[in-house]
C-alpha atoms as a PDB file:
ATOM      1  CA  MET A   1     -57.231 137.066 106.887  1.00  0.00           C
ATOM      2  CA  ASN A   2     -55.507 138.854 109.744  1.00  0.00           C
ATOM      3  CA  LYS A   3     -56.926 136.276 112.111  1.00  0.00           C
ATOM      4  CA  LEU A   4     -55.349 133.467 110.072  1.00  0.00           C
ATOM      5  CA  LEU A   5     -51.965 135.196 110.011  1.00  0.00           C
ATOM      6  CA  ARG A   6     -52.082 136.116 113.689  1.00  0.00           C
ATOM      7  CA  PRO A   7     -49.160 134.487 115.556  1.00  0.00           C
ATOM      8  CA  LEU A   8     -49.992 131.700 117.951  1.00  0.00           C
ATOM      9  CA  SER A   9     -50.554 132.673 121.555  1.00  0.00           C
ATOM     10  CA  LYS A  10     -48.223 131.444 124.278  1.00  0.00           C
ATOM     11  CA  ASP A  11     -50.854 129.013 125.593  1.00  0.00           C
ATOM     12  CA  SER A  12     -51.456 127.395 122.192  1.00  0.00           C
ATOM     13  CA  ARG A  13     -47.726 127.177 121.500  1.00  0.00           C
ATOM     14  CA  ALA A  14     -47.252 125.527 124.898  1.00  0.00           C
ATOM     15  CA  ARG A  15     -50.018 123.003 124.208  1.00  0.00           C
ATOM     16  CA  GLN A  16     -48.629 121.824 120.871  1.00  0.00           C
ATOM     17  CA  PRO A  17     -45.325 120.364 122.124  1.00  0.00           C
ATOM     18  CA  ALA A  18     -47.150 118.678 125.021  1.00  0.00           C
ATOM     19  CA  LYS A  19     -49.609 117.097 122.612  1.00  0.00           C
ATOM     20  CA  GLN A  20     -46.819 115.991 120.289  1.00  0.00           C
ATOM     21  CA  ASN A  21     -44.912 114.461 123.212  1.00  0.00           C
ATOM     22  CA  GLN A  22     -48.030 112.623 124.356  1.00  0.00           C
ATOM     23  CA  GLU A  23     -48.636 111.187 120.888  1.00  0.00           C
ATOM     24  CA  SER A  24     -45.013 110.167 120.528  1.00  0.00           C
ATOM     25  CA  ARG A  25     -45.161 107.998 123.630  1.00  0.00           C
ATOM     26  CA  GLY A  26     -47.096 105.256 121.883  1.00  0.00           C
ATOM     27  CA  ILE A  27     -48.662 103.957 118.703  1.00  0.00           C
ATOM     28  CA  PRO A  28     -52.438 104.201 118.240  1.00  0.00           C
ATOM     29  CA  ALA A  29     -53.969 100.780 118.921  1.00  0.00           C
ATOM     30  CA  ALA A  30     -56.444 101.187 116.056  1.00  0.00           C
ATOM     31  CA  MET A  31     -53.620 101.640 113.556  1.00  0.00           C
ATOM     32  CA  ARG A  32     -54.605 101.662 109.914  1.00  0.00           C
ATOM     33  CA  GLY A  33     -57.423  99.078 110.036  1.00  0.00           C
ATOM     34  CA  SER A  34     -56.415  96.265 107.698  1.00  0.00           C
ATOM     35  CA  ALA A  35     -52.758  96.279 108.761  1.00  0.00           C
ATOM     36  CA  PHE A  36     -53.755  95.894 112.397  1.00  0.00           C
ATOM     37  CA  ILE A  37     -56.179  93.047 111.629  1.00  0.00           C
ATOM     38  CA  SER A  38     -53.528  91.298 109.542  1.00  0.00           C
ATOM     39  CA  LEU A  39     -51.054  91.544 112.416  1.00  0.00           C
ATOM     40  CA  ALA A  40     -53.545  90.119 114.938  1.00  0.00           C
ATOM     41  CA  VAL A  41     -54.506  87.228 112.642  1.00  0.00           C
ATOM     42  CA  GLY A  42     -50.868  86.488 111.920  1.00  0.00           C
ATOM     43  CA  VAL A  43     -49.979  86.337 115.614  1.00  0.00           C
ATOM     44  CA  ALA A  44     -52.971  84.056 116.291  1.00  0.00           C
ATOM     45  CA  MET A  45     -51.897  81.667 113.511  1.00  0.00           C
ATOM     46  CA  ILE A  46     -48.343  81.557 114.868  1.00  0.00           C
ATOM     47  CA  LEU A  47     -49.600  80.727 118.358  1.00  0.00           C
ATOM     48  CA  VAL A  48     -51.868  77.952 117.068  1.00  0.00           C
ATOM     49  CA  TRP A  49     -49.048  76.461 114.978  1.00  0.00           C
ATOM     50  CA  SER A  50     -46.613  76.658 117.885  1.00  0.00           C
ATOM     51  CA  TYR A  51     -48.924  75.085 120.476  1.00  0.00           C
ATOM     52  CA  VAL A  52     -50.856  72.567 118.390  1.00  0.00           C
ATOM     53  CA  GLY A  53     -48.924  69.663 119.973  1.00  0.00           C
ATOM     54  CA  SER A  54     -49.639  70.918 123.497  1.00  0.00           C
ATOM     55  CA  ILE A  55     -53.326  71.415 122.686  1.00  0.00           C
ATOM     56  CA  LEU A  56     -53.604  67.855 121.359  1.00  0.00           C
ATOM     57  CA  MET A  57     -51.880  66.504 124.476  1.00  0.00           C
ATOM     58  CA  LEU A  58     -54.294  68.380 126.710  1.00  0.00           C
ATOM     59  CA  SER A  59     -57.281  67.144 124.689  1.00  0.00           C
ATOM     60  CA  GLU A  60     -56.153  63.550 125.153  1.00  0.00           C
ATOM     61  CA  ARG A  61     -55.929  63.992 128.918  1.00  0.00           C
ATOM     62  CA  TRP A  62     -59.347  65.659 129.020  1.00  0.00           C
ATOM     63  CA  LEU A  63     -60.787  62.638 127.226  1.00  0.00           C
ATOM     64  CA  THR A  64     -59.062  59.956 129.314  1.00  0.00           C
ATOM     65  CA  GLU A  65     -59.005  61.489 132.816  1.00  0.00           C
ATOM     66  CA  PRO A  66     -62.436  62.184 134.364  1.00  0.00           C
ATOM     67  CA  ASP A  67     -60.944  64.643 136.868  1.00  0.00           C
ATOM     68  CA  TYR A  68     -60.172  67.034 134.004  1.00  0.00           C
ATOM     69  CA  SER A  69     -63.035  66.415 131.604  1.00  0.00           C
ATOM     70  CA  HIS A  70     -64.139  70.020 132.206  1.00  0.00           C
ATOM     71  CA  GLY A  71     -61.081  71.176 130.251  1.00  0.00           C
ATOM     72  CA  PHE A  72     -63.076  71.345 127.012  1.00  0.00           C
ATOM     73  CA  VAL A  73     -65.374  73.991 128.519  1.00  0.00           C
ATOM     74  CA  VAL A  74     -62.602  76.259 129.833  1.00  0.00           C
ATOM     75  CA  PRO A  75     -61.490  77.772 126.469  1.00  0.00           C
ATOM     76  CA  LEU A  76     -65.124  78.305 125.478  1.00  0.00           C
ATOM     77  CA  PHE A  77     -65.797  80.232 128.675  1.00  0.00           C
ATOM     78  CA  SER A  78     -62.645  82.305 128.113  1.00  0.00           C
ATOM     79  CA  ILE A  79     -63.967  83.255 124.679  1.00  0.00           C
ATOM     80  CA  TYR A  80     -67.282  84.193 126.301  1.00  0.00           C
ATOM     81  CA  LEU A  81     -65.441  86.436 128.772  1.00  0.00           C
ATOM     82  CA  LEU A  82     -63.700  88.205 125.891  1.00  0.00           C
ATOM     83  CA  TRP A  83     -67.064  88.762 124.209  1.00  0.00           C
ATOM     84  CA  ARG A  84     -68.708  89.916 127.454  1.00  0.00           C
ATOM     85  CA  ARG A  85     -65.989  92.530 128.035  1.00  0.00           C
ATOM     86  CA  ARG A  86     -65.916  93.690 124.399  1.00  0.00           C
ATOM     87  CA  ASP A  87     -67.022  97.209 125.377  1.00  0.00           C
ATOM     88  CA  LEU A  88     -63.495  97.843 126.644  1.00  0.00           C
ATOM     89  CA  LEU A  89     -62.235  97.575 123.059  1.00  0.00           C
ATOM     90  CA  ARG A  90     -64.234 100.628 122.035  1.00  0.00           C
ATOM     91  CA  GLN A  91     -62.005 102.859 124.107  1.00  0.00           C
ATOM     92  CA  THR A  92     -59.257 104.520 122.092  1.00  0.00           C
ATOM     93  CA  SER A  93     -55.851 103.581 123.383  1.00  0.00           C
ATOM     94  CA  THR A  94     -52.174 103.746 122.572  1.00  0.00           C
ATOM     95  CA  ILE A  95     -49.579 101.011 122.645  1.00  0.00           C
ATOM     96  CA  THR A  96     -46.991 102.323 125.059  1.00  0.00           C
ATOM     97  CA  TRP A  97     -43.440 101.068 125.225  1.00  0.00           C
ATOM     98  CA  SER A  98     -44.056  99.835 128.778  1.00  0.00           C
ATOM     99  CA  ALA A  99     -46.826  97.553 127.493  1.00  0.00           C
ATOM    100  CA  VAL A 100     -44.634  96.305 124.656  1.00  0.00           C
ATOM    101  CA  LEU A 101     -41.693  95.581 126.975  1.00  0.00           C
ATOM    102  CA  THR A 102     -43.969  93.820 129.478  1.00  0.00           C
ATOM    103  CA  GLY A 103     -45.440  91.720 126.670  1.00  0.00           C
ATOM    104  CA  CYS A 104     -41.969  90.802 125.418  1.00  0.00           C
ATOM    105  CA  GLY A 105     -40.997  89.803 128.962  1.00  0.00           C
ATOM    106  CA  LEU A 106     -44.042  87.521 129.255  1.00  0.00           C
ATOM    107  CA  ILE A 107     -43.296  85.887 125.906  1.00  0.00           C
ATOM    108  CA  LEU A 108     -39.675  85.384 126.979  1.00  0.00           C
ATOM    109  CA  ALA A 109     -40.905  83.769 130.220  1.00  0.00           C
ATOM    110  CA  ALA A 110     -43.162  81.491 128.152  1.00  0.00           C
ATOM    111  CA  GLY A 111     -40.157  80.470 126.061  1.00  0.00           C
ATOM    112  CA  VAL A 112     -38.172  79.625 129.183  1.00  0.00           C
ATOM    113  CA  MET A 113     -41.096  77.567 130.499  1.00  0.00           C
ATOM    114  CA  ARG A 114     -41.254  75.632 127.220  1.00  0.00           C
ATOM    115  CA  TRP A 115     -37.510  75.025 127.264  1.00  0.00           C
ATOM    116  CA  ILE A 116     -37.649  73.674 130.846  1.00  0.00           C
ATOM    117  CA  GLY A 117     -40.688  71.566 130.033  1.00  0.00           C
ATOM    118  CA  ILE A 118     -39.058  69.962 127.005  1.00  0.00           C
ATOM    119  CA  TYR A 119     -35.526  69.396 128.267  1.00  0.00           C
ATOM    120  CA  GLN A 120     -36.380  68.648 131.904  1.00  0.00           C
ATOM    121  CA  GLN A 121     -39.388  66.472 130.957  1.00  0.00           C
ATOM    122  CA  PHE A 122     -41.991  68.558 132.806  1.00  0.00           C
ATOM    123  CA  ASP A 123     -44.804  67.881 130.364  1.00  0.00           C
ATOM    124  CA  LEU A 124     -47.299  70.331 131.874  1.00  0.00           C
ATOM    125  CA  LEU A 125     -44.997  73.355 131.646  1.00  0.00           C
ATOM    126  CA  GLU A 126     -45.229  73.446 127.867  1.00  0.00           C
ATOM    127  CA  PRO A 127     -49.031  73.885 127.658  1.00  0.00           C
ATOM    128  CA  ALA A 128     -48.947  76.151 130.738  1.00  0.00           C
ATOM    129  CA  SER A 129     -46.574  78.493 128.899  1.00  0.00           C
ATOM    130  CA  LEU A 130     -49.455  79.334 126.551  1.00  0.00           C
ATOM    131  CA  ILE A 131     -50.964  81.548 129.270  1.00  0.00           C
ATOM    132  CA  PRO A 132     -48.095  84.095 129.620  1.00  0.00           C
ATOM    133  CA  CYS A 133     -47.523  83.893 125.864  1.00  0.00           C
ATOM    134  CA  LEU A 134     -51.141  84.890 125.165  1.00  0.00           C
ATOM    135  CA  MET A 135     -51.026  87.701 127.707  1.00  0.00           C
ATOM    136  CA  GLY A 136     -47.813  89.014 126.183  1.00  0.00           C
ATOM    137  CA  ALA A 137     -49.303  88.912 122.681  1.00  0.00           C
ATOM    138  CA  PHE A 138     -52.355  90.905 123.815  1.00  0.00           C
ATOM    139  CA  LEU A 139     -50.140  93.560 125.407  1.00  0.00           C
ATOM    140  CA  ILE A 140     -47.925  93.907 122.345  1.00  0.00           C
ATOM    141  CA  ILE A 141     -50.825  94.111 119.898  1.00  0.00           C
ATOM    142  CA  GLY A 142     -53.245  96.293 121.869  1.00  0.00           C
ATOM    143  CA  GLY A 143     -51.377  97.816 124.787  1.00  0.00           C
ATOM    144  CA  TRP A 144     -52.628  98.104 128.344  1.00  0.00           C
ATOM    145  CA  SER A 145     -56.247  98.504 127.226  1.00  0.00           C
ATOM    146  CA  TRP A 146     -56.118  95.060 125.624  1.00  0.00           C
ATOM    147  CA  GLY A 147     -54.462  93.733 128.758  1.00  0.00           C
ATOM    148  CA  LYS A 148     -57.337  95.083 130.849  1.00  0.00           C
ATOM    149  CA  TRP A 149     -59.808  93.545 128.420  1.00  0.00           C
ATOM    150  CA  SER A 150     -58.232  90.092 128.181  1.00  0.00           C
ATOM    151  CA  TRP A 151     -56.647  89.291 131.553  1.00  0.00           C
ATOM    152  CA  PRO A 152     -59.694  87.474 133.099  1.00  0.00           C
ATOM    153  CA  ALA A 153     -60.088  85.244 130.034  1.00  0.00           C
ATOM    154  CA  VAL A 154     -56.375  84.457 129.858  1.00  0.00           C
ATOM    155  CA  CYS A 155     -56.061  83.745 133.587  1.00  0.00           C
ATOM    156  CA  PHE A 156     -59.102  81.438 133.496  1.00  0.00           C
ATOM    157  CA  LEU A 157     -57.220  79.168 131.088  1.00  0.00           C
ATOM    158  CA  VAL A 158     -55.266  77.918 134.121  1.00  0.00           C
ATOM    159  CA  PHE A 159     -58.147  75.509 134.790  1.00  0.00           C
ATOM    160  CA  MET A 160     -57.559  73.646 131.533  1.00  0.00           C
ATOM    161  CA  ILE A 161     -54.094  72.560 132.765  1.00  0.00           C
ATOM    162  CA  PRO A 162     -54.139  69.304 134.793  1.00  0.00           C
ATOM    163  CA  LEU A 163     -52.550  69.397 138.221  1.00  0.00           C
ATOM    164  CA  PRO A 164     -49.078  67.834 138.527  1.00  0.00           C
ATOM    165  CA  GLY A 165     -49.102  64.309 139.898  1.00  0.00           C
ATOM    166  CA  PHE A 166     -47.460  65.125 143.233  1.00  0.00           C
ATOM    167  CA  ILE A 167     -49.995  67.913 143.918  1.00  0.00           C
ATOM    168  CA  SER A 168     -52.897  65.598 143.064  1.00  0.00           C
ATOM    169  CA  GLY A 169     -51.481  63.013 145.471  1.00  0.00           C
ATOM    170  CA  LEU A 170     -51.098  65.551 148.274  1.00  0.00           C
ATOM    171  CA  LEU A 171     -54.688  66.729 147.822  1.00  0.00           C
ATOM    172  CA  SER A 172     -56.282  63.315 147.292  1.00  0.00           C
ATOM    173  CA  GLN A 173     -55.129  61.762 150.568  1.00  0.00           C
ATOM    174  CA  PRO A 174     -56.668  64.323 152.953  1.00  0.00           C
ATOM    175  CA  LEU A 175     -59.794  64.532 150.782  1.00  0.00           C
ATOM    176  CA  GLN A 176     -60.176  60.740 150.975  1.00  0.00           C
ATOM    177  CA  ARG A 177     -59.799  60.801 154.737  1.00  0.00           C
ATOM    178  CA  ILE A 178     -62.257  63.665 155.229  1.00  0.00           C
ATOM    179  CA  GLY A 179     -64.791  62.009 152.919  1.00  0.00           C
ATOM    180  CA  THR A 180     -64.491  58.710 154.790  1.00  0.00           C
ATOM    181  CA  ILE A 181     -64.874  60.174 158.303  1.00  0.00           C
ATOM    182  CA  VAL A 182     -67.728  62.565 157.527  1.00  0.00           C
ATOM    183  CA  SER A 183     -69.617  59.984 155.429  1.00  0.00           C
ATOM    184  CA  THR A 184     -69.328  57.411 158.222  1.00  0.00           C
ATOM    185  CA  PHE A 185     -70.739  59.942 160.692  1.00  0.00           C
ATOM    186  CA  SER A 186     -73.596  60.756 158.276  1.00  0.00           C
ATOM    187  CA  LEU A 187     -74.484  57.084 157.866  1.00  0.00           C
ATOM    188  CA  GLN A 188     -74.421  56.535 161.646  1.00  0.00           C
ATOM    189  CA  THR A 189     -76.664  59.581 162.079  1.00  0.00           C
ATOM    190  CA  LEU A 190     -79.162  57.992 159.692  1.00  0.00           C
ATOM    191  CA  GLY A 191     -79.174  54.840 161.864  1.00  0.00           C
ATOM    192  CA  ILE A 192     -77.039  52.697 159.557  1.00  0.00           C
ATOM    193  CA  PRO A 193     -74.247  50.700 161.250  1.00  0.00           C
ATOM    194  CA  ALA A 194     -70.998  51.978 159.746  1.00  0.00           C
ATOM    195  CA  ILE A 195     -67.359  51.745 160.808  1.00  0.00           C
ATOM    196  CA  ALA A 196     -64.404  53.435 159.103  1.00  0.00           C
ATOM    197  CA  ARG A 197     -61.088  51.613 158.859  1.00  0.00           C
ATOM    198  CA  GLY A 198     -58.580  53.512 156.840  1.00  0.00           C
ATOM    199  CA  ASN A 199     -60.378  54.744 153.741  1.00  0.00           C
ATOM    200  CA  VAL A 200     -62.923  51.893 153.766  1.00  0.00           C
ATOM    201  CA  ILE A 201     -66.418  52.152 155.258  1.00  0.00           C
ATOM    202  CA  TYR A 202     -67.787  48.814 156.547  1.00  0.00           C
ATOM    203  CA  LEU A 203     -71.573  48.429 156.542  1.00  0.00           C
ATOM    204  CA  THR A 204     -73.741  45.522 157.660  1.00  0.00           C
ATOM    205  CA  GLU A 205     -73.195  43.368 154.573  1.00  0.00           C
ATOM    206  CA  ALA A 206     -71.092  45.556 152.317  1.00  0.00           C
ATOM    207  CA  ARG A 207     -68.169  47.938 152.287  1.00  0.00           C
ATOM    208  CA  ILE A 208     -67.416  51.163 150.422  1.00  0.00           C
ATOM    209  CA  GLY A 209     -63.861  51.940 149.440  1.00  0.00           C
ATOM    210  CA  VAL A 210     -63.173  55.685 149.147  1.00  0.00           C
ATOM    211  CA  VAL A 211     -60.364  55.295 146.641  1.00  0.00           C
ATOM    212  CA  GLU A 212     -58.355  58.085 145.023  1.00  0.00           C
ATOM    213  CA  ALA A 213     -60.813  58.372 142.129  1.00  0.00           C
ATOM    214  CA  CYS A 214     -63.605  59.029 144.647  1.00  0.00           C
ATOM    215  CA  SER A 215     -61.711  61.532 146.806  1.00  0.00           C
ATOM    216  CA  GLY A 216     -63.636  64.525 145.485  1.00  0.00           C
ATOM    217  CA  LEU A 217     -60.650  66.057 143.699  1.00  0.00           C
ATOM    218  CA  ARG A 218     -62.713  66.284 140.531  1.00  0.00           C
ATOM    219  CA  MET A 219     -65.393  68.270 142.352  1.00  0.00           C
ATOM    220  CA  LEU A 220     -62.734  70.499 143.857  1.00  0.00           C
ATOM    221  CA  ASN A 221     -61.257  71.332 140.436  1.00  0.00           C
ATOM    222  CA  VAL A 222     -64.642  71.975 138.880  1.00  0.00           C
ATOM    223  CA  PHE A 223     -65.961  74.173 141.654  1.00  0.00           C
ATOM    224  CA  PHE A 224     -62.887  76.302 141.898  1.00  0.00           C
ATOM    225  CA  ALA A 225     -63.395  76.940 138.183  1.00  0.00           C
ATOM    226  CA  ILE A 226     -67.130  77.610 138.660  1.00  0.00           C
ATOM    227  CA  THR A 227     -66.673  79.993 141.599  1.00  0.00           C
ATOM    228  CA  ILE A 228     -63.949  81.987 139.859  1.00  0.00           C
ATOM    229  CA  ALA A 229     -66.063  82.122 136.696  1.00  0.00           C
ATOM    230  CA  ALA A 230     -68.957  83.408 138.797  1.00  0.00           C
ATOM    231  CA  SER A 231     -66.707  86.071 140.338  1.00  0.00           C
ATOM    232  CA  PHE A 232     -65.886  87.343 136.846  1.00  0.00           C
ATOM    233  CA  ILE A 233     -69.565  87.535 135.860  1.00  0.00           C
ATOM    234  CA  LEU A 234     -71.410  88.577 139.022  1.00  0.00           C
ATOM    235  CA  ASN A 235     -71.623  92.259 139.811  1.00  0.00           C
ATOM    236  CA  ARG A 236     -71.055  91.896 143.543  1.00  0.00           C
ATOM    237  CA  PRO A 237     -68.590  93.354 146.067  1.00  0.00           C
ATOM    238  CA  ASN A 238     -65.111  91.877 146.082  1.00  0.00           C
ATOM    239  CA  TRP A 239     -65.512  90.405 149.568  1.00  0.00           C
ATOM    240  CA  GLU A 240     -68.551  88.377 148.427  1.00  0.00           C
ATOM    241  CA  LYS A 241     -66.592  87.085 145.447  1.00  0.00           C
ATOM    242  CA  ALA A 242     -63.741  86.100 147.768  1.00  0.00           C
ATOM    243  CA  VAL A 243     -66.137  84.215 150.054  1.00  0.00           C
ATOM    244  CA  LEU A 244     -67.588  82.334 147.078  1.00  0.00           C
ATOM    245  CA  ILE A 245     -64.128  81.330 145.861  1.00  0.00           C
ATOM    246  CA  LEU A 246     -62.954  80.237 149.317  1.00  0.00           C
ATOM    247  CA  SER A 247     -66.110  78.149 149.775  1.00  0.00           C
ATOM    248  CA  ALA A 248     -65.301  75.971 146.736  1.00  0.00           C
ATOM    249  CA  PRO A 249     -63.404  73.311 148.777  1.00  0.00           C
ATOM    250  CA  LEU A 250     -66.257  73.098 151.296  1.00  0.00           C
ATOM    251  CA  ILE A 251     -68.863  72.663 148.554  1.00  0.00           C
ATOM    252  CA  GLY A 252     -66.718  69.989 146.897  1.00  0.00           C
ATOM    253  CA  VAL A 253     -66.376  68.045 150.168  1.00  0.00           C
ATOM    254  CA  VAL A 254     -70.104  68.333 150.951  1.00  0.00           C
ATOM    255  CA  THR A 255     -71.155  67.012 147.542  1.00  0.00           C
ATOM    256  CA  ASN A 256     -68.677  64.124 147.750  1.00  0.00           C
ATOM    257  CA  VAL A 257     -69.946  63.195 151.223  1.00  0.00           C
ATOM    258  CA  MET A 258     -73.512  63.241 149.899  1.00  0.00           C
ATOM    259  CA  ARG A 259     -72.441  60.918 147.092  1.00  0.00           C
ATOM    260  CA  ILE A 260     -70.827  58.407 149.471  1.00  0.00           C
ATOM    261  CA  THR A 261     -73.745  58.588 151.919  1.00  0.00           C
ATOM    262  CA  ILE A 262     -76.335  57.950 149.195  1.00  0.00           C
ATOM    263  CA  THR A 263     -74.286  54.963 148.066  1.00  0.00           C
ATOM    264  CA  GLY A 264     -74.233  53.596 151.638  1.00  0.00           C
ATOM    265  CA  VAL A 265     -77.997  53.957 151.945  1.00  0.00           C
ATOM    266  CA  ALA A 266     -78.456  52.118 148.632  1.00  0.00           C
ATOM    267  CA  HIS A 267     -76.152  49.304 149.835  1.00  0.00           C
ATOM    268  CA  GLU A 268     -78.097  48.936 153.072  1.00  0.00           C
ATOM    269  CA  PHE A 269     -81.682  49.095 151.812  1.00  0.00           C
ATOM    270  CA  PHE A 270     -81.437  48.139 148.134  1.00  0.00           C
ATOM    271  CA  SER A 271     -79.148  46.020 145.979  1.00  0.00           C
ATOM    272  CA  ARG A 272     -75.392  46.152 145.493  1.00  0.00           C
ATOM    273  CA  GLU A 273     -75.820  46.635 141.752  1.00  0.00           C
ATOM    274  CA  LEU A 274     -77.949  49.739 142.301  1.00  0.00           C
ATOM    275  CA  ALA A 275     -75.453  51.112 144.809  1.00  0.00           C
ATOM    276  CA  ASP A 276     -72.535  50.638 142.426  1.00  0.00           C
ATOM    277  CA  HIS A 277     -74.517  52.260 139.632  1.00  0.00           C
ATOM    278  CA  LEU A 278     -75.291  55.242 141.863  1.00  0.00           C
ATOM    279  CA  PHE A 279     -71.720  55.523 143.076  1.00  0.00           C
ATOM    280  CA  HIS A 280     -69.988  55.453 139.708  1.00  0.00           C
ATOM    281  CA  ASP A 281     -72.579  56.895 137.327  1.00  0.00           C
ATOM    282  CA  LEU A 282     -75.722  58.644 138.496  1.00  0.00           C
ATOM    283  CA  ALA A 283     -74.382  60.173 141.710  1.00  0.00           C
ATOM    284  CA  GLY A 284     -71.415  61.669 139.906  1.00  0.00           C
ATOM    285  CA  LEU A 285     -73.747  63.362 137.430  1.00  0.00           C
ATOM    286  CA  LEU A 286     -76.281  64.473 140.026  1.00  0.00           C
ATOM    287  CA  MET A 287     -73.685  66.036 142.323  1.00  0.00           C
ATOM    288  CA  MET A 288     -72.891  68.721 139.781  1.00  0.00           C
ATOM    289  CA  PRO A 289     -76.331  70.419 139.756  1.00  0.00           C
ATOM    290  CA  ILE A 290     -76.558  69.973 143.542  1.00  0.00           C
ATOM    291  CA  ALA A 291     -73.255  71.756 144.028  1.00  0.00           C
ATOM    292  CA  VAL A 292     -74.278  74.536 141.639  1.00  0.00           C
ATOM    293  CA  ALA A 293     -77.515  74.914 143.622  1.00  0.00           C
ATOM    294  CA  LEU A 294     -75.467  75.210 146.840  1.00  0.00           C
ATOM    295  CA  LEU A 295     -73.349  77.895 145.192  1.00  0.00           C
ATOM    296  CA  VAL A 296     -76.441  79.840 144.098  1.00  0.00           C
ATOM    297  CA  LEU A 297     -77.923  79.504 147.596  1.00  0.00           C
ATOM    298  CA  GLU A 298     -74.712  80.817 149.133  1.00  0.00           C
ATOM    299  CA  ALA A 299     -74.651  83.819 146.788  1.00  0.00           C
ATOM    300  CA  TRP A 300     -78.296  84.570 147.641  1.00  0.00           C
ATOM    301  CA  LEU A 301     -77.615  84.345 151.380  1.00  0.00           C
ATOM    302  CA  LEU A 302     -74.620  86.670 151.123  1.00  0.00           C
ATOM    303  CA  LYS A 303     -76.725  89.176 149.211  1.00  0.00           C
ATOM    304  CA  SER A 304     -79.680  88.919 151.592  1.00  0.00           C
ATOM    305  CA  LEU A 305     -77.872  88.943 154.927  1.00  0.00           C
ATOM    306  CA  TRP A 306     -75.669  91.942 154.236  1.00  0.00           C
ATOM    307  CA  LEU A 307     -77.637  95.079 155.083  1.00  0.00           C
ATOM    308  CA  GLU A 308     -76.551  98.083 153.082  1.00  0.00           C
ATOM    309  CA  GLY A 309     -77.693 101.214 154.909  1.00  0.00           C
ATOM    310  CA  LYS A 310     -77.783 104.689 153.436  1.00  0.00           C
ATOM    311  CA  ALA A 311     -75.047 107.179 154.231  1.00  0.00           C
ATOM    312  CA  GLY A 312     -75.627 108.880 157.548  1.00  0.00           C
ATOM    313  CA  ARG A 313     -78.129 106.273 158.698  1.00  0.00           C
ATOM    314  CA  VAL A 314     -77.938 102.909 160.402  1.00  0.00           C
ATOM    315  CA  ASN A 315     -79.949 100.037 158.938  1.00  0.00           C
ATOM    316  CA  LEU A 316     -80.684  97.444 161.623  1.00  0.00           C
ATOM    317  CA  GLY A 317     -83.288  95.571 159.609  1.00  0.00           C
ATOM    318  CA  LEU A 318     -86.060  97.127 161.730  1.00  0.00           C
ATOM    319  CA  GLY A 319     -86.201 100.418 159.910  1.00  0.00           C
ATOM    320  CA  GLU A 320     -83.760 103.268 159.626  1.00  0.00           C
ATOM    321  CA  ARG A 321     -82.624 105.289 162.620  1.00  0.00           C
ATOM    322  CA  LYS A 322     -80.677 108.500 162.435  1.00  0.00           C
ATOM    323  CA  ARG A 323     -77.177 108.454 163.909  1.00  0.00           C
ATOM    324  CA  LEU A 324     -76.978 110.295 167.235  1.00  0.00           C
ATOM    325  CA  LYS A 325     -74.661 113.259 167.318  1.00  0.00           C
ATOM    326  CA  THR A 326     -72.335 113.800 170.245  1.00  0.00           C
ATOM    327  CA  GLY A 327     -74.433 116.660 171.591  1.00  0.00           C
ATOM    328  CA  ASP A 328     -77.683 114.670 171.352  1.00  0.00           C
ATOM    329  CA  ALA A 329     -76.458 111.910 173.669  1.00  0.00           C
ATOM    330  CA  THR A 330     -76.224 114.224 176.670  1.00  0.00           C
END
């Protein structure tokens, strides 16, 4: 009984205010079960209701524009990323005021983007505003821990937004020119007479027009998305992930050149109908697995060529050698 009535020591009395101050800085993220779930569901329903028009507009463009047909896969992969990183949700966290204010700022920025998109007739700004709005909602509901959990999935949604027309035009022209020049060189290397004039390749009895739809922009969009998705999944050093991402344009150009070269070979040795079928249908489908195979090969080469030696030793690929000390060299 005397132990229960004993006054608190100085250390315990000093700990209590510190603990109370720490708890008062934020609200527990796992607040009262059903209330928290109701709040999250309510916010999700509001977002869906608010952006249903933008989602339908994006779906129509994904259906009608082949360059962005991968848009249907992007939200599904974002959901997969959320599921893959679900272990981060098991950590207890608090919703700090800094997270709430940052989330409110992101939602305000999304509102400004929607206002500009509607009144200035920038159609793509309205669906793009969904990205900061989602990030802000995650921060407000779950704090910084939810932000850490959700940021890769939210950022990946950028790839479901089509590029503005002027950016597509700026990218298509150099891609057309590169595809024409390199494909002409490839055909000449194979012994096929080929001359490039503008963006048209003249063969013996046929010609191939590398028009805007065949510039490789579609491959570029897809492989930027694939390489960034791989960087989120692969457990590799950051420099290897950066190399994979930066190699996306090169892989896109290589696959497009292969497509044009195969079409030229079909024109020269087979029929025009077969060449057109390859160019517009089969080659476009076959280039995707080829490009993925190139990406896998690149990742394997990066992993194999980089020699990771143990601490204090030098790995030269011929066996380990101890580092020489200063005194040993004399």
